[in-house]
């Protein structure tokens, strides 16, 4: 059974930092592009950061210079380092594993982890 599990959310003050972790099943991780999304109350889910299988990264403009995505292929894990947090970063953060095989798109989501930025 494929699993994607996030951890590391919490309550942090503005300007603070958090590190989110996502563990994915080994059967999919090595072939997957990994993404972090977030969804704030009343808003659509938005893509925050992406890391390819070769380690190339991409970020939403709103988090560039503050967030860093990385992956550890030996641990089947992807991380999101959140620095200089702002109240508008408050959201549920979701990890997504995505790959294409034989023309079929495979998409796996975690359950989400809450990040709250508040003084």
C-alpha atoms as a PDB file:
ATOM      1  CA  UNK A   1       0.000   0.000   0.000  1.00  0.00           C
ATOM      2  CA  UNK A   2       1.364   3.388  -0.995  1.00  0.00           C
ATOM      3  CA  UNK A   3       1.709   5.858   1.846  1.00  0.00           C
ATOM      4  CA  UNK A   4       2.583   9.524   2.008  1.00  0.00           C
ATOM      5  CA  UNK A   5       2.839  10.892   5.550  1.00  0.00           C
ATOM      6  CA  UNK A   6       3.641  14.452   6.612  1.00  0.00           C
ATOM      7  CA  UNK A   7       4.879  15.651   9.987  1.00  0.00           C
ATOM      8  CA  UNK A   8       6.417  18.684  11.592  1.00  0.00           C
ATOM      9  CA  UNK A   9       3.650  21.255  11.605  1.00  0.00           C
ATOM     10  CA  UNK A  10       2.829  23.410  14.586  1.00  0.00           C
ATOM     11  CA  UNK A  11       2.362  26.865  16.016  1.00  0.00           C
ATOM     12  CA  UNK A  12       5.159  29.371  15.463  1.00  0.00           C
ATOM     13  CA  UNK A  13       5.531  33.121  15.894  1.00  0.00           C
ATOM     14  CA  UNK A  14       6.055  35.444  12.942  1.00  0.00           C
ATOM     15  CA  UNK A  15       9.666  35.345  11.853  1.00  0.00           C
ATOM     16  CA  UNK A  16      10.094  31.825  13.176  1.00  0.00           C
ATOM     17  CA  UNK A  17      10.990  28.585  11.430  1.00  0.00           C
ATOM     18  CA  UNK A  18       9.615  25.093  10.987  1.00  0.00           C
ATOM     19  CA  UNK A  19      10.748  22.015   9.143  1.00  0.00           C
ATOM     20  CA  UNK A  20       8.142  19.794   7.552  1.00  0.00           C
ATOM     21  CA  UNK A  21       8.904  16.200   6.683  1.00  0.00           C
ATOM     22  CA  UNK A  22       7.206  13.817   4.291  1.00  0.00           C
ATOM     23  CA  UNK A  23       7.865  10.109   4.113  1.00  0.00           C
ATOM     24  CA  UNK A  24       6.707   8.211   1.053  1.00  0.00           C
ATOM     25  CA  UNK A  25       6.629   4.519   0.246  1.00  0.00           C
ATOM     26  CA  UNK A  26       9.847   3.359  -1.323  1.00  0.00           C
ATOM     27  CA  UNK A  27       7.979   1.867  -4.257  1.00  0.00           C
ATOM     28  CA  UNK A  28       7.046   5.320  -5.524  1.00  0.00           C
ATOM     29  CA  UNK A  29       9.509   7.778  -4.026  1.00  0.00           C
ATOM     30  CA  UNK A  30      12.489   7.236  -6.306  1.00  0.00           C
ATOM     31  CA  UNK A  31      10.411   7.770  -9.446  1.00  0.00           C
ATOM     32  CA  UNK A  32       8.303  10.661  -8.132  1.00  0.00           C
ATOM     33  CA  UNK A  33       8.436  14.376  -8.501  1.00  0.00           C
ATOM     34  CA  UNK A  34       7.632  15.597  -5.001  1.00  0.00           C
ATOM     35  CA  UNK A  35       5.567  18.661  -4.239  1.00  0.00           C
ATOM     36  CA  UNK A  36       4.445  20.622  -1.223  1.00  0.00           C
ATOM     37  CA  UNK A  37       1.064  22.306  -1.477  1.00  0.00           C
ATOM     38  CA  UNK A  38      -0.823  24.367   1.075  1.00  0.00           C
ATOM     39  CA  UNK A  39      -4.420  25.313   1.630  1.00  0.00           C
ATOM     40  CA  UNK A  40      -5.533  28.173   3.831  1.00  0.00           C
ATOM     41  CA  UNK A  41      -9.107  28.433   5.139  1.00  0.00           C
ATOM     42  CA  UNK A  42     -11.463  29.586   2.416  1.00  0.00           C
ATOM     43  CA  UNK A  43      -8.763  29.449  -0.257  1.00  0.00           C
ATOM     44  CA  UNK A  44      -7.808  27.055  -3.010  1.00  0.00           C
ATOM     45  CA  UNK A  45      -4.921  24.656  -2.594  1.00  0.00           C
ATOM     46  CA  UNK A  46      -1.756  26.176  -4.015  1.00  0.00           C
ATOM     47  CA  UNK A  47       1.569  24.733  -5.086  1.00  0.00           C
ATOM     48  CA  UNK A  48       4.382  25.891  -2.811  1.00  0.00           C
ATOM     49  CA  UNK A  49       7.483  23.984  -3.909  1.00  0.00           C
ATOM     50  CA  UNK A  50       8.587  21.181  -6.216  1.00  0.00           C
ATOM     51  CA  UNK A  51      11.658  18.956  -6.390  1.00  0.00           C
ATOM     52  CA  UNK A  52      12.319  16.599  -9.271  1.00  0.00           C
ATOM     53  CA  UNK A  53      13.975  13.202  -9.135  1.00  0.00           C
ATOM     54  CA  UNK A  54      17.250  14.848 -10.144  1.00  0.00           C
ATOM     55  CA  UNK A  55      16.974  17.504  -7.448  1.00  0.00           C
ATOM     56  CA  UNK A  56      15.850  20.499  -9.462  1.00  0.00           C
ATOM     57  CA  UNK A  57      13.621  22.807  -7.456  1.00  0.00           C
ATOM     58  CA  UNK A  58      10.942  25.387  -8.074  1.00  0.00           C
ATOM     59  CA  UNK A  59       9.049  27.690  -5.724  1.00  0.00           C
ATOM     60  CA  UNK A  60       5.976  29.855  -5.634  1.00  0.00           C
ATOM     61  CA  UNK A  61       6.880  33.542  -5.760  1.00  0.00           C
ATOM     62  CA  UNK A  62       5.334  34.051  -2.316  1.00  0.00           C
ATOM     63  CA  UNK A  63       7.865  31.742  -0.632  1.00  0.00           C
ATOM     64  CA  UNK A  64      11.027  32.245  -2.709  1.00  0.00           C
ATOM     65  CA  UNK A  65      14.003  32.999  -0.509  1.00  0.00           C
ATOM     66  CA  UNK A  66      12.184  31.834   2.626  1.00  0.00           C
ATOM     67  CA  UNK A  67      11.324  28.165   2.000  1.00  0.00           C
ATOM     68  CA  UNK A  68      13.651  25.380   0.895  1.00  0.00           C
ATOM     69  CA  UNK A  69      12.619  21.981  -0.436  1.00  0.00           C
ATOM     70  CA  UNK A  70      15.009  19.036  -0.327  1.00  0.00           C
ATOM     71  CA  UNK A  71      14.887  15.280  -0.664  1.00  0.00           C
ATOM     72  CA  UNK A  72      16.795  12.367   0.815  1.00  0.00           C
ATOM     73  CA  UNK A  73      16.463   9.447  -1.551  1.00  0.00           C
ATOM     74  CA  UNK A  74      18.092   7.064   0.923  1.00  0.00           C
ATOM     75  CA  UNK A  75      15.326   7.798   3.419  1.00  0.00           C
ATOM     76  CA  UNK A  76      12.476   8.140   0.909  1.00  0.00           C
ATOM     77  CA  UNK A  77      11.806  11.544   2.403  1.00  0.00           C
ATOM     78  CA  UNK A  78      11.258  15.100   1.287  1.00  0.00           C
ATOM     79  CA  UNK A  79      11.535  18.145   3.508  1.00  0.00           C
ATOM     80  CA  UNK A  80      10.318  21.715   3.479  1.00  0.00           C
ATOM     81  CA  UNK A  81      12.272  24.206   5.559  1.00  0.00           C
ATOM     82  CA  UNK A  82      10.113  27.212   6.359  1.00  0.00           C
ATOM     83  CA  UNK A  83      11.976  30.341   7.478  1.00  0.00           C
ATOM     84  CA  UNK A  84      10.899  33.924   8.142  1.00  0.00           C
ATOM     85  CA  UNK A  85       7.343  32.750   8.542  1.00  0.00           C
ATOM     86  CA  UNK A  86       4.474  35.174   8.119  1.00  0.00           C
ATOM     87  CA  UNK A  87       0.856  34.961   9.303  1.00  0.00           C
ATOM     88  CA  UNK A  88      -0.191  34.487   5.679  1.00  0.00           C
ATOM     89  CA  UNK A  89       1.790  31.228   5.612  1.00  0.00           C
ATOM     90  CA  UNK A  90      -0.829  29.739   7.935  1.00  0.00           C
ATOM     91  CA  UNK A  91      -2.347  26.745   6.160  1.00  0.00           C
ATOM     92  CA  UNK A  92      -2.545  22.991   6.025  1.00  0.00           C
ATOM     93  CA  UNK A  93       0.518  21.795   4.152  1.00  0.00           C
ATOM     94  CA  UNK A  94       0.217  18.710   1.961  1.00  0.00           C
ATOM     95  CA  UNK A  95       2.878  16.491   0.452  1.00  0.00           C
ATOM     96  CA  UNK A  96       2.277  15.085  -3.014  1.00  0.00           C
ATOM     97  CA  UNK A  97       4.088  12.376  -4.943  1.00  0.00           C
ATOM     98  CA  UNK A  98       3.538  12.372  -8.682  1.00  0.00           C
ATOM     99  CA  UNK A  99       4.868  10.260 -11.533  1.00  0.00           C
ATOM    100  CA  UNK A 100       3.901   9.009 -14.959  1.00  0.00           C
ATOM    101  CA  UNK A 101       4.314   5.380 -16.004  1.00  0.00           C
ATOM    102  CA  UNK A 102       3.192   3.929 -19.312  1.00  0.00           C
ATOM    103  CA  UNK A 103       1.134   7.040 -19.963  1.00  0.00           C
ATOM    104  CA  UNK A 104      -0.752   6.834 -16.676  1.00  0.00           C
ATOM    105  CA  UNK A 105      -0.455   9.626 -14.116  1.00  0.00           C
ATOM    106  CA  UNK A 106      -0.083   8.490 -10.525  1.00  0.00           C
ATOM    107  CA  UNK A 107      -0.820  10.984  -7.773  1.00  0.00           C
ATOM    108  CA  UNK A 108      -0.547  10.360  -4.039  1.00  0.00           C
ATOM    109  CA  UNK A 109      -1.399  12.757  -1.234  1.00  0.00           C
ATOM    110  CA  UNK A 110      -0.642  12.865   2.439  1.00  0.00           C
ATOM    111  CA  UNK A 111      -3.173  13.787   5.082  1.00  0.00           C
ATOM    112  CA  UNK A 112      -1.723  17.244   5.670  1.00  0.00           C
ATOM    113  CA  UNK A 113      -0.027  18.973   8.571  1.00  0.00           C
ATOM    114  CA  UNK A 114      -1.195  22.253  10.088  1.00  0.00           C
ATOM    115  CA  UNK A 115       1.136  25.255  10.195  1.00  0.00           C
ATOM    116  CA  UNK A 116      -0.082  28.231  12.194  1.00  0.00           C
ATOM    117  CA  UNK A 117       1.888  31.472  12.312  1.00  0.00           C
ATOM    118  CA  UNK A 118       0.637  33.748  15.043  1.00  0.00           C
ATOM    119  CA  UNK A 119       1.931  35.913  17.851  1.00  0.00           C
END
